[in-house]
C-alpha atoms as a PDB file:
ATOM      1  CA  MET A   1     -12.582  27.295  -2.605  1.00  0.00           C
ATOM      2  CA  LYS A   2     -14.324  23.929  -2.308  1.00  0.00           C
ATOM      3  CA  ALA A   3     -12.890  21.367   0.118  1.00  0.00           C
ATOM      4  CA  ASN A   4     -12.409  18.805  -2.671  1.00  0.00           C
ATOM      5  CA  THR A   5     -10.392  21.306  -4.747  1.00  0.00           C
ATOM      6  CA  TYR A   6      -8.251  22.090  -1.702  1.00  0.00           C
ATOM      7  CA  LYS A   7      -7.391  18.424  -1.185  1.00  0.00           C
ATOM      8  CA  LYS A   8      -6.414  17.928  -4.820  1.00  0.00           C
ATOM      9  CA  ARG A   9      -4.368  21.096  -4.961  1.00  0.00           C
ATOM     10  CA  PHE A  10      -2.392  20.533  -1.771  1.00  0.00           C
ATOM     11  CA  ARG A  11      -2.055  16.755  -1.767  1.00  0.00           C
ATOM     12  CA  PRO A  12       1.642  15.909  -1.436  1.00  0.00           C
ATOM     13  CA  LYS A  13       3.216  14.043  -4.322  1.00  0.00           C
ATOM     14  CA  LEU A  14       4.733  10.716  -3.373  1.00  0.00           C
ATOM     15  CA  GLU A  15       7.713   9.044  -4.962  1.00  0.00           C
ATOM     16  CA  PRO A  16       6.992   6.781  -7.961  1.00  0.00           C
ATOM     17  CA  LEU A  17       8.410   3.903  -5.907  1.00  0.00           C
ATOM     18  CA  TYR A  18       5.299   3.986  -3.707  1.00  0.00           C
ATOM     19  CA  PHE A  19       3.118   3.434  -6.779  1.00  0.00           C
ATOM     20  CA  VAL A  20       5.262   0.476  -7.864  1.00  0.00           C
ATOM     21  CA  ILE A  21       5.163  -1.079  -4.388  1.00  0.00           C
ATOM     22  CA  GLY A  22       1.424  -0.530  -4.166  1.00  0.00           C
ATOM     23  CA  ARG A  23       0.769  -2.171  -7.542  1.00  0.00           C
ATOM     24  CA  ARG A  24       2.868  -5.183  -6.541  1.00  0.00           C
ATOM     25  CA  ILE A  25       1.046  -5.539  -3.230  1.00  0.00           C
ATOM     26  CA  ARG A  26      -2.352  -5.332  -4.948  1.00  0.00           C
ATOM     27  CA  SER A  27      -1.316  -7.793  -7.651  1.00  0.00           C
ATOM     28  CA  LEU A  28      -0.029 -10.378  -5.162  1.00  0.00           C
ATOM     29  CA  ARG A  29      -3.035  -9.899  -2.897  1.00  0.00           C
ATOM     30  CA  LYS A  30      -5.487 -10.460  -5.741  1.00  0.00           C
ATOM     31  CA  GLN A  31      -3.544 -13.466  -7.086  1.00  0.00           C
ATOM     32  CA  GLN A  32      -3.889 -15.078  -3.674  1.00  0.00           C
ATOM     33  CA  SER A  33      -7.542 -13.980  -3.266  1.00  0.00           C
ATOM     34  CA  LEU A  34      -6.752 -12.150  -0.031  1.00  0.00           C
ATOM     35  CA  THR A  35      -8.818  -9.256   1.287  1.00  0.00           C
ATOM     36  CA  LEU A  36      -7.745  -5.788   2.344  1.00  0.00           C
ATOM     37  CA  PHE A  37      -9.050  -6.677   5.800  1.00  0.00           C
ATOM     38  CA  TYR A  38      -6.823  -9.765   6.039  1.00  0.00           C
ATOM     39  CA  ILE A  39      -3.651  -7.943   4.936  1.00  0.00           C
ATOM     40  CA  GLY A  40      -4.487  -5.053   7.225  1.00  0.00           C
ATOM     41  CA  LYS A  41      -5.019  -7.348  10.190  1.00  0.00           C
ATOM     42  CA  CYS A  42      -1.681  -9.096   9.546  1.00  0.00           C
ATOM     43  CA  ALA A  43       0.145  -5.759   9.233  1.00  0.00           C
ATOM     44  CA  GLY A  44      -1.662  -4.009  12.079  1.00  0.00           C
ATOM     45  CA  LEU A  45      -3.204  -1.481   9.677  1.00  0.00           C
ATOM     46  CA  THR A  46      -6.740  -0.667   8.629  1.00  0.00           C
ATOM     47  CA  PRO A  47      -8.127  -1.856   5.295  1.00  0.00           C
ATOM     48  CA  THR A  48      -8.259   1.814   4.259  1.00  0.00           C
ATOM     49  CA  CYS A  49      -4.526   2.176   4.900  1.00  0.00           C
ATOM     50  CA  ILE A  50      -3.818  -0.910   2.791  1.00  0.00           C
ATOM     51  CA  ALA A  51      -6.015   0.472  -0.019  1.00  0.00           C
ATOM     52  CA  ASN A  52      -4.137   3.793   0.135  1.00  0.00           C
ATOM     53  CA  ILE A  53      -0.775   2.012   0.078  1.00  0.00           C
ATOM     54  CA  GLU A  54      -1.897  -0.044  -2.929  1.00  0.00           C
ATOM     55  CA  ALA A  55      -2.959   3.167  -4.685  1.00  0.00           C
ATOM     56  CA  GLY A  56       0.423   4.773  -3.979  1.00  0.00           C
ATOM     57  CA  ALA A  57      -1.321   7.490  -1.972  1.00  0.00           C
ATOM     58  CA  GLN A  58       0.271   6.689   1.384  1.00  0.00           C
ATOM     59  CA  ARG A  59       3.808   6.064   2.533  1.00  0.00           C
ATOM     60  CA  VAL A  60       4.497   2.710   4.118  1.00  0.00           C
ATOM     61  CA  THR A  61       6.948   2.104   6.942  1.00  0.00           C
ATOM     62  CA  VAL A  62       9.551  -0.622   6.703  1.00  0.00           C
ATOM     63  CA  HIS A  63       7.918  -2.466   9.600  1.00  0.00           C
ATOM     64  CA  ALA A  64       4.480  -2.378   7.914  1.00  0.00           C
ATOM     65  CA  LEU A  65       6.021  -3.415   4.595  1.00  0.00           C
ATOM     66  CA  LEU A  66       7.666  -6.390   6.314  1.00  0.00           C
ATOM     67  CA  GLU A  67       4.335  -7.461   7.829  1.00  0.00           C
ATOM     68  CA  ILE A  68       2.544  -7.029   4.485  1.00  0.00           C
ATOM     69  CA  ALA A  69       5.246  -9.095   2.770  1.00  0.00           C
ATOM     70  CA  LYS A  70       4.835 -11.852   5.383  1.00  0.00           C
ATOM     71  CA  ALA A  71       1.073 -11.896   4.849  1.00  0.00           C
ATOM     72  CA  LEU A  72       1.665 -12.214   1.099  1.00  0.00           C
ATOM     73  CA  GLU A  73       4.315 -14.921   1.672  1.00  0.00           C
ATOM     74  CA  THR A  74       6.983 -12.900  -0.106  1.00  0.00           C
ATOM     75  CA  THR A  75       9.891 -10.636   0.812  1.00  0.00           C
ATOM     76  CA  ILE A  76      10.377  -6.898   0.972  1.00  0.00           C
ATOM     77  CA  CYS A  77      12.940  -7.331  -1.811  1.00  0.00           C
ATOM     78  CA  ASP A  78      10.251  -8.770  -4.098  1.00  0.00           C
ATOM     79  CA  LEU A  79       7.979  -5.816  -3.364  1.00  0.00           C
ATOM     80  CA  THR A  80      10.619  -3.136  -3.884  1.00  0.00           C
ATOM     81  CA  ALA A  81      12.818  -4.599  -6.665  1.00  0.00           C
ATOM     82  CA  GLU A  82      12.877  -2.571  -9.853  1.00  0.00           C
END
């Protein structure tokens, strides 16, 4: 079995909420012309982590979400509201 097939087959499925949060983060970040590096630096995460969070491929802790929200000048409520 190829390594790429293994990753796709056994990648854990995340809750749809993570996709919604990620889309909101990306949308706000792009509206404000902020970089992945800047948001990552503010949240204490790497740009790759921020990209994965925006793609809904990585869980985000409450603490990191709070720091991301601060960097975007918004609240956690705005990022998680349905």
